[in-house]
Amino acid sequence: MDATTKERLADFICRDDGECYPICRSSTYFKKFFQDLGINKVHDGSTRKWWVLGIIQELKGPDLQNLLYVWHPLNYIAEIGIK
């Protein structure tokens, strides 16, 4: 996965841009978000996007595949409640 794609995925997870992503995730959400994917990480208090991007850059194989699952349009639509 290239660097731009990883950065876009970090944007998607953080959802700082209200025009693109209707849900902004707080830093307290990250622990549960990653644990639900089987990735044991706890936010260290640093800037959310760069912290998330650092985790994405560390992931390989099944962990990265699990993370990509949330990016699938059907999962995203279900999460924000669009029918």
PDB file of N, CA and C in Angstrom:
ATOM      1  N   MET A   1       0.853  -1.176   0.000  1.00  0.00           N
ATOM      2  CA  MET A   1       0.000   0.000   0.000  1.00  0.00           C
ATOM      3  C   MET A   1       0.898   1.238   0.000  1.00  0.00           C
ATOM      4  N   ASP A   2       0.586   2.192  -0.872  1.00  0.00           N
ATOM      5  CA  ASP A   2       1.438   3.373  -0.970  1.00  0.00           C
ATOM      6  C   ASP A   2       1.144   4.377   0.157  1.00  0.00           C
ATOM      7  N   ALA A   3       2.043   5.332   0.313  1.00  0.00           N
ATOM      8  CA  ALA A   3       1.964   6.301   1.413  1.00  0.00           C
ATOM      9  C   ALA A   3       0.702   7.157   1.343  1.00  0.00           C
ATOM     10  N   THR A   4       0.277   7.537   0.148  1.00  0.00           N
ATOM     11  CA  THR A   4      -0.927   8.361   0.005  1.00  0.00           C
ATOM     12  C   THR A   4      -2.166   7.601   0.457  1.00  0.00           C
ATOM     13  N   THR A   5      -2.245   6.347   0.094  1.00  0.00           N
ATOM     14  CA  THR A   5      -3.388   5.517   0.508  1.00  0.00           C
ATOM     15  C   THR A   5      -3.413   5.375   2.017  1.00  0.00           C
ATOM     16  N   LYS A   6      -2.271   5.168   2.626  1.00  0.00           N
ATOM     17  CA  LYS A   6      -2.202   5.055   4.087  1.00  0.00           C
ATOM     18  C   LYS A   6      -2.644   6.352   4.753  1.00  0.00           C
ATOM     19  N   GLU A   7      -2.235   7.473   4.190  1.00  0.00           N
ATOM     20  CA  GLU A   7      -2.642   8.756   4.770  1.00  0.00           C
ATOM     21  C   GLU A   7      -4.151   8.973   4.623  1.00  0.00           C
ATOM     22  N   ARG A   8      -4.713   8.590   3.495  1.00  0.00           N
ATOM     23  CA  ARG A   8      -6.168   8.708   3.294  1.00  0.00           C
ATOM     24  C   ARG A   8      -6.921   7.800   4.267  1.00  0.00           C
ATOM     25  N   LEU A   9      -6.381   6.627   4.516  1.00  0.00           N
ATOM     26  CA  LEU A   9      -7.002   5.717   5.479  1.00  0.00           C
ATOM     27  C   LEU A   9      -6.974   6.322   6.877  1.00  0.00           C
ATOM     28  N   ALA A  10      -5.865   6.961   7.246  1.00  0.00           N
ATOM     29  CA  ALA A  10      -5.787   7.645   8.541  1.00  0.00           C
ATOM     30  C   ALA A  10      -6.818   8.765   8.620  1.00  0.00           C
ATOM     31  N   ASP A  11      -6.980   9.510   7.530  1.00  0.00           N
ATOM     32  CA  ASP A  11      -8.019  10.554   7.487  1.00  0.00           C
ATOM     33  C   ASP A  11      -9.395   9.949   7.707  1.00  0.00           C
ATOM     34  N   PHE A  12      -9.651   8.834   7.054  1.00  0.00           N
ATOM     35  CA  PHE A  12     -10.942   8.164   7.168  1.00  0.00           C
ATOM     36  C   PHE A  12     -11.210   7.720   8.606  1.00  0.00           C
ATOM     37  N   ILE A  13     -10.208   7.158   9.247  1.00  0.00           N
ATOM     38  CA  ILE A  13     -10.372   6.678  10.620  1.00  0.00           C
ATOM     39  C   ILE A  13     -10.608   7.846  11.571  1.00  0.00           C
ATOM     40  N   CYS A  14      -9.846   8.918  11.424  1.00  0.00           N
ATOM     41  CA  CYS A  14      -9.999  10.080  12.311  1.00  0.00           C
ATOM     42  C   CYS A  14     -11.241  10.890  11.970  1.00  0.00           C
ATOM     43  N   ARG A  15     -11.510  11.004  10.691  1.00  0.00           N
ATOM     44  CA  ARG A  15     -12.672  11.733  10.192  1.00  0.00           C
ATOM     45  C   ARG A  15     -12.700  13.183  10.658  1.00  0.00           C
ATOM     46  N   ASP A  16     -11.607  13.867  10.477  1.00  0.00           N
ATOM     47  CA  ASP A  16     -11.519  15.276  10.852  1.00  0.00           C
ATOM     48  C   ASP A  16     -12.266  16.193   9.894  1.00  0.00           C
ATOM     49  N   ASP A  17     -12.395  15.786   8.656  1.00  0.00           N
ATOM     50  CA  ASP A  17     -13.019  16.622   7.629  1.00  0.00           C
ATOM     51  C   ASP A  17     -14.517  16.347   7.593  1.00  0.00           C
ATOM     52  N   GLY A  18     -15.303  17.232   8.182  1.00  0.00           N
ATOM     53  CA  GLY A  18     -16.748  17.051   8.268  1.00  0.00           C
ATOM     54  C   GLY A  18     -17.451  17.028   6.934  1.00  0.00           C
ATOM     55  N   GLU A  19     -16.824  17.583   5.905  1.00  0.00           N
ATOM     56  CA  GLU A  19     -17.438  17.553   4.581  1.00  0.00           C
ATOM     57  C   GLU A  19     -17.323  16.182   3.946  1.00  0.00           C
ATOM     58  N   CYS A  20     -16.254  15.466   4.237  1.00  0.00           N
ATOM     59  CA  CYS A  20     -16.056  14.134   3.660  1.00  0.00           C
ATOM     60  C   CYS A  20     -16.577  13.022   4.555  1.00  0.00           C
ATOM     61  N   TYR A  21     -16.455  13.207   5.856  1.00  0.00           N
ATOM     62  CA  TYR A  21     -16.785  12.146   6.803  1.00  0.00           C
ATOM     63  C   TYR A  21     -17.720  12.691   7.867  1.00  0.00           C
ATOM     64  N   PRO A  22     -18.929  12.149   7.967  1.00  0.00           N
ATOM     65  CA  PRO A  22     -19.905  12.715   8.907  1.00  0.00           C
ATOM     66  C   PRO A  22     -19.646  12.406  10.377  1.00  0.00           C
ATOM     67  N   ILE A  23     -18.739  11.499  10.679  1.00  0.00           N
ATOM     68  CA  ILE A  23     -18.453  11.153  12.069  1.00  0.00           C
ATOM     69  C   ILE A  23     -17.000  11.525  12.375  1.00  0.00           C
ATOM     70  N   CYS A  24     -16.791  12.363  13.376  1.00  0.00           N
ATOM     71  CA  CYS A  24     -15.431  12.681  13.823  1.00  0.00           C
ATOM     72  C   CYS A  24     -15.142  11.804  15.032  1.00  0.00           C
ATOM     73  N   ARG A  25     -14.128  11.001  14.931  1.00  0.00           N
ATOM     74  CA  ARG A  25     -13.807  10.098  16.034  1.00  0.00           C
ATOM     75  C   ARG A  25     -12.874  10.788  17.019  1.00  0.00           C
ATOM     76  N   SER A  26     -13.231  10.721  18.286  1.00  0.00           N
ATOM     77  CA  SER A  26     -12.389  11.305  19.328  1.00  0.00           C
ATOM     78  C   SER A  26     -11.259  10.344  19.666  1.00  0.00           C
ATOM     79  N   SER A  27     -10.261  10.857  20.342  1.00  0.00           N
ATOM     80  CA  SER A  27      -9.125  10.006  20.700  1.00  0.00           C
ATOM     81  C   SER A  27      -9.533   8.875  21.640  1.00  0.00           C
ATOM     82  N   THR A  28     -10.569   9.068  22.432  1.00  0.00           N
ATOM     83  CA  THR A  28     -11.026   7.994  23.322  1.00  0.00           C
ATOM     84  C   THR A  28     -11.649   6.839  22.541  1.00  0.00           C
ATOM     85  N   TYR A  29     -12.069   7.112  21.329  1.00  0.00           N
ATOM     86  CA  TYR A  29     -12.656   6.078  20.477  1.00  0.00           C
ATOM     87  C   TYR A  29     -11.598   5.124  19.944  1.00  0.00           C
ATOM     88  N   PHE A  30     -10.385   5.592  19.762  1.00  0.00           N
ATOM     89  CA  PHE A  30      -9.361   4.805  19.080  1.00  0.00           C
ATOM     90  C   PHE A  30      -9.045   3.476  19.745  1.00  0.00           C
ATOM     91  N   LYS A  31      -8.965   3.441  21.046  1.00  0.00           N
ATOM     92  CA  LYS A  31      -8.640   2.190  21.728  1.00  0.00           C
ATOM     93  C   LYS A  31      -9.650   1.113  21.358  1.00  0.00           C
ATOM     94  N   LYS A  32     -10.939   1.432  21.466  1.00  0.00           N
ATOM     95  CA  LYS A  32     -11.974   0.461  21.126  1.00  0.00           C
ATOM     96  C   LYS A  32     -11.942   0.140  19.643  1.00  0.00           C
ATOM     97  N   PHE A  33     -11.771   1.142  18.801  1.00  0.00           N
ATOM     98  CA  PHE A  33     -11.726   0.941  17.359  1.00  0.00           C
ATOM     99  C   PHE A  33     -10.673  -0.093  16.987  1.00  0.00           C
ATOM    100  N   PHE A  34      -9.453   0.092  17.472  1.00  0.00           N
ATOM    101  CA  PHE A  34      -8.383  -0.834  17.124  1.00  0.00           C
ATOM    102  C   PHE A  34      -8.562  -2.186  17.808  1.00  0.00           C
ATOM    103  N   GLN A  35      -9.015  -2.209  19.048  1.00  0.00           N
ATOM    104  CA  GLN A  35      -9.231  -3.484  19.731  1.00  0.00           C
ATOM    105  C   GLN A  35     -10.308  -4.315  19.044  1.00  0.00           C
ATOM    106  N   ASP A  36     -11.348  -3.663  18.536  1.00  0.00           N
ATOM    107  CA  ASP A  36     -12.397  -4.382  17.803  1.00  0.00           C
ATOM    108  C   ASP A  36     -11.848  -5.057  16.552  1.00  0.00           C
ATOM    109  N   LEU A  37     -10.754  -4.533  16.038  1.00  0.00           N
ATOM    110  CA  LEU A  37     -10.100  -5.123  14.870  1.00  0.00           C
ATOM    111  C   LEU A  37      -9.003  -6.118  15.259  1.00  0.00           C
ATOM    112  N   GLY A  38      -8.838  -6.344  16.561  1.00  0.00           N
ATOM    113  CA  GLY A  38      -7.810  -7.256  17.029  1.00  0.00           C
ATOM    114  C   GLY A  38      -6.427  -6.635  17.076  1.00  0.00           C
ATOM    115  N   ILE A  39      -6.372  -5.304  17.062  1.00  0.00           N
ATOM    116  CA  ILE A  39      -5.107  -4.572  17.103  1.00  0.00           C
ATOM    117  C   ILE A  39      -5.032  -3.873  18.451  1.00  0.00           C
ATOM    118  N   ASN A  40      -4.092  -4.285  19.285  1.00  0.00           N
ATOM    119  CA  ASN A  40      -4.016  -3.768  20.648  1.00  0.00           C
ATOM    120  C   ASN A  40      -3.136  -2.526  20.708  1.00  0.00           C
ATOM    121  N   LYS A  41      -3.775  -1.363  20.536  1.00  0.00           N
ATOM    122  CA  LYS A  41      -3.071  -0.081  20.594  1.00  0.00           C
ATOM    123  C   LYS A  41      -3.875   0.880  21.451  1.00  0.00           C
ATOM    124  N   VAL A  42      -3.192   1.752  22.158  1.00  0.00           N
ATOM    125  CA  VAL A  42      -3.843   2.765  22.979  1.00  0.00           C
ATOM    126  C   VAL A  42      -3.287   4.123  22.552  1.00  0.00           C
ATOM    127  N   HIS A  43      -4.178   5.073  22.336  1.00  0.00           N
ATOM    128  CA  HIS A  43      -3.748   6.408  21.911  1.00  0.00           C
ATOM    129  C   HIS A  43      -2.811   7.007  22.945  1.00  0.00           C
ATOM    130  N   ASP A  44      -1.693   7.503  22.485  1.00  0.00           N
ATOM    131  CA  ASP A  44      -0.662   8.029  23.381  1.00  0.00           C
ATOM    132  C   ASP A  44      -0.777   9.527  23.628  1.00  0.00           C
ATOM    133  N   GLY A  45      -1.837  10.161  23.111  1.00  0.00           N
ATOM    134  CA  GLY A  45      -2.038  11.586  23.328  1.00  0.00           C
ATOM    135  C   GLY A  45      -1.463  12.467  22.242  1.00  0.00           C
ATOM    136  N   SER A  46      -0.751  11.870  21.301  1.00  0.00           N
ATOM    137  CA  SER A  46      -0.195  12.666  20.208  1.00  0.00           C
ATOM    138  C   SER A  46      -1.307  13.031  19.217  1.00  0.00           C
ATOM    139  N   THR A  47      -0.969  13.817  18.214  1.00  0.00           N
ATOM    140  CA  THR A  47      -1.943  14.224  17.205  1.00  0.00           C
ATOM    141  C   THR A  47      -2.596  12.984  16.613  1.00  0.00           C
ATOM    142  N   ARG A  48      -3.925  12.989  16.612  1.00  0.00           N
ATOM    143  CA  ARG A  48      -4.678  11.789  16.234  1.00  0.00           C
ATOM    144  C   ARG A  48      -4.291  11.237  14.873  1.00  0.00           C
ATOM    145  N   LYS A  49      -4.282  12.063  13.845  1.00  0.00           N
ATOM    146  CA  LYS A  49      -4.004  11.559  12.496  1.00  0.00           C
ATOM    147  C   LYS A  49      -2.619  10.934  12.404  1.00  0.00           C
ATOM    148  N   TRP A  50      -1.624  11.588  12.961  1.00  0.00           N
ATOM    149  CA  TRP A  50      -0.258  11.065  12.830  1.00  0.00           C
ATOM    150  C   TRP A  50      -0.066   9.814  13.670  1.00  0.00           C
ATOM    151  N   TRP A  51      -0.764   9.728  14.797  1.00  0.00           N
ATOM    152  CA  TRP A  51      -0.698   8.525  15.622  1.00  0.00           C
ATOM    153  C   TRP A  51      -1.327   7.355  14.860  1.00  0.00           C
ATOM    154  N   VAL A  52      -2.505   7.591  14.281  1.00  0.00           N
ATOM    155  CA  VAL A  52      -3.190   6.544  13.513  1.00  0.00           C
ATOM    156  C   VAL A  52      -2.344   6.138  12.307  1.00  0.00           C
ATOM    157  N   LEU A  53      -1.779   7.111  11.607  1.00  0.00           N
ATOM    158  CA  LEU A  53      -0.933   6.812  10.454  1.00  0.00           C
ATOM    159  C   LEU A  53       0.266   5.960  10.871  1.00  0.00           C
ATOM    160  N   GLY A  54       0.849   6.246  12.018  1.00  0.00           N
ATOM    161  CA  GLY A  54       1.969   5.437  12.521  1.00  0.00           C
ATOM    162  C   GLY A  54       1.573   3.990  12.735  1.00  0.00           C
ATOM    163  N   ILE A  55       0.373   3.770  13.256  1.00  0.00           N
ATOM    164  CA  ILE A  55      -0.111   2.399  13.449  1.00  0.00           C
ATOM    165  C   ILE A  55      -0.313   1.722  12.097  1.00  0.00           C
ATOM    166  N   ILE A  56      -0.945   2.426  11.170  1.00  0.00           N
ATOM    167  CA  ILE A  56      -1.182   1.864   9.838  1.00  0.00           C
ATOM    168  C   ILE A  56       0.139   1.451   9.197  1.00  0.00           C
ATOM    169  N   GLN A  57       1.165   2.269   9.341  1.00  0.00           N
ATOM    170  CA  GLN A  57       2.457   1.965   8.744  1.00  0.00           C
ATOM    171  C   GLN A  57       3.103   0.734   9.370  1.00  0.00           C
ATOM    172  N   GLU A  58       2.752   0.419  10.613  1.00  0.00           N
ATOM    173  CA  GLU A  58       3.295  -0.764  11.290  1.00  0.00           C
ATOM    174  C   GLU A  58       2.586  -2.058  10.894  1.00  0.00           C
ATOM    175  N   LEU A  59       1.350  -1.957  10.431  1.00  0.00           N
ATOM    176  CA  LEU A  59       0.531  -3.142  10.193  1.00  0.00           C
ATOM    177  C   LEU A  59       0.960  -3.909   8.956  1.00  0.00           C
ATOM    178  N   LYS A  60       0.812  -5.216   9.056  1.00  0.00           N
ATOM    179  CA  LYS A  60       1.129  -6.112   7.957  1.00  0.00           C
ATOM    180  C   LYS A  60       0.091  -7.228   7.923  1.00  0.00           C
ATOM    181  N   GLY A  61      -0.015  -7.892   6.797  1.00  0.00           N
ATOM    182  CA  GLY A  61      -0.843  -9.087   6.646  1.00  0.00           C
ATOM    183  C   GLY A  61      -2.261  -8.951   7.141  1.00  0.00           C
ATOM    184  N   PRO A  62      -2.686  -9.901   7.991  1.00  0.00           N
ATOM    185  CA  PRO A  62      -4.082  -9.933   8.447  1.00  0.00           C
ATOM    186  C   PRO A  62      -4.503  -8.670   9.207  1.00  0.00           C
ATOM    187  N   ASP A  63      -3.598  -8.080   9.969  1.00  0.00           N
ATOM    188  CA  ASP A  63      -3.954  -6.859  10.695  1.00  0.00           C
ATOM    189  C   ASP A  63      -4.296  -5.728   9.723  1.00  0.00           C
ATOM    190  N   LEU A  64      -3.520  -5.604   8.665  1.00  0.00           N
ATOM    191  CA  LEU A  64      -3.804  -4.576   7.664  1.00  0.00           C
ATOM    192  C   LEU A  64      -5.097  -4.896   6.920  1.00  0.00           C
ATOM    193  N   GLN A  65      -5.334  -6.155   6.627  1.00  0.00           N
ATOM    194  CA  GLN A  65      -6.578  -6.557   5.966  1.00  0.00           C
ATOM    195  C   GLN A  65      -7.788  -6.248   6.835  1.00  0.00           C
ATOM    196  N   ASN A  66      -7.690  -6.502   8.128  1.00  0.00           N
ATOM    197  CA  ASN A  66      -8.793  -6.181   9.039  1.00  0.00           C
ATOM    198  C   ASN A  66      -9.076  -4.689   9.051  1.00  0.00           C
ATOM    199  N   LEU A  67      -8.029  -3.893   9.025  1.00  0.00           N
ATOM    200  CA  LEU A  67      -8.206  -2.451   9.017  1.00  0.00           C
ATOM    201  C   LEU A  67      -8.846  -1.988   7.705  1.00  0.00           C
ATOM    202  N   LEU A  68      -8.446  -2.580   6.601  1.00  0.00           N
ATOM    203  CA  LEU A  68      -9.022  -2.217   5.306  1.00  0.00           C
ATOM    204  C   LEU A  68     -10.507  -2.569   5.225  1.00  0.00           C
ATOM    205  N   TYR A  69     -10.925  -3.547   5.983  1.00  0.00           N
ATOM    206  CA  TYR A  69     -12.329  -3.945   6.001  1.00  0.00           C
ATOM    207  C   TYR A  69     -13.237  -2.771   6.372  1.00  0.00           C
ATOM    208  N   VAL A  70     -12.816  -1.930   7.292  1.00  0.00           N
ATOM    209  CA  VAL A  70     -13.655  -0.793   7.707  1.00  0.00           C
ATOM    210  C   VAL A  70     -13.761   0.260   6.610  1.00  0.00           C
ATOM    211  N   TRP A  71     -12.847   0.235   5.659  1.00  0.00           N
ATOM    212  CA  TRP A  71     -12.850   1.212   4.587  1.00  0.00           C
ATOM    213  C   TRP A  71     -13.811   0.823   3.463  1.00  0.00           C
ATOM    214  N   HIS A  72     -14.283  -0.404   3.489  1.00  0.00           N
ATOM    215  CA  HIS A  72     -15.198  -0.876   2.455  1.00  0.00           C
ATOM    216  C   HIS A  72     -16.480  -0.042   2.505  1.00  0.00           C
ATOM    217  N   PRO A  73     -16.973   0.439   1.362  1.00  0.00           N
ATOM    218  CA  PRO A  73     -18.155   1.319   1.354  1.00  0.00           C
ATOM    219  C   PRO A  73     -19.377   0.757   2.075  1.00  0.00           C
ATOM    220  N   LEU A  74     -19.628  -0.519   1.966  1.00  0.00           N
ATOM    221  CA  LEU A  74     -20.808  -1.085   2.643  1.00  0.00           C
ATOM    222  C   LEU A  74     -20.668  -1.013   4.163  1.00  0.00           C
ATOM    223  N   ASN A  75     -19.473  -1.210   4.676  1.00  0.00           N
ATOM    224  CA  ASN A  75     -19.260  -1.121   6.117  1.00  0.00           C
ATOM    225  C   ASN A  75     -19.377   0.317   6.590  1.00  0.00           C
ATOM    226  N   TYR A  76     -18.841   1.240   5.807  1.00  0.00           N
ATOM    227  CA  TYR A  76     -18.907   2.658   6.147  1.00  0.00           C
ATOM    228  C   TYR A  76     -20.368   3.129   6.178  1.00  0.00           C
ATOM    229  N   ILE A  77     -21.133   2.762   5.168  1.00  0.00           N
ATOM    230  CA  ILE A  77     -22.532   3.145   5.105  1.00  0.00           C
ATOM    231  C   ILE A  77     -23.294   2.589   6.292  1.00  0.00           C
ATOM    232  N   ALA A  78     -23.043   1.344   6.655  1.00  0.00           N
ATOM    233  CA  ALA A  78     -23.706   0.741   7.802  1.00  0.00           C
ATOM    234  C   ALA A  78     -23.348   1.468   9.094  1.00  0.00           C
ATOM    235  N   GLU A  79     -22.092   1.873   9.235  1.00  0.00           N
ATOM    236  CA  GLU A  79     -21.636   2.526  10.459  1.00  0.00           C
ATOM    237  C   GLU A  79     -22.315   3.888  10.668  1.00  0.00           C
ATOM    238  N   ILE A  80     -22.505   4.624   9.592  1.00  0.00           N
ATOM    239  CA  ILE A  80     -23.094   5.954   9.757  1.00  0.00           C
ATOM    240  C   ILE A  80     -24.613   5.935   9.658  1.00  0.00           C
ATOM    241  N   GLY A  81     -25.178   4.747   9.424  1.00  0.00           N
ATOM    242  CA  GLY A  81     -26.619   4.596   9.477  1.00  0.00           C
ATOM    243  C   GLY A  81     -27.371   4.953   8.204  1.00  0.00           C
ATOM    244  N   ILE A  82     -26.697   4.901   7.063  1.00  0.00           N
ATOM    245  CA  ILE A  82     -27.392   5.154   5.799  1.00  0.00           C
ATOM    246  C   ILE A  82     -28.001   3.837   5.326  1.00  0.00           C
ATOM    247  N   LYS A  83     -29.243   3.902   4.891  1.00  0.00           N
ATOM    248  CA  LYS A  83     -29.931   2.690   4.424  1.00  0.00           C
ATOM    249  C   LYS A  83     -30.146   2.739   2.942  1.00  0.00           C
TER     250      LYS A  83
END
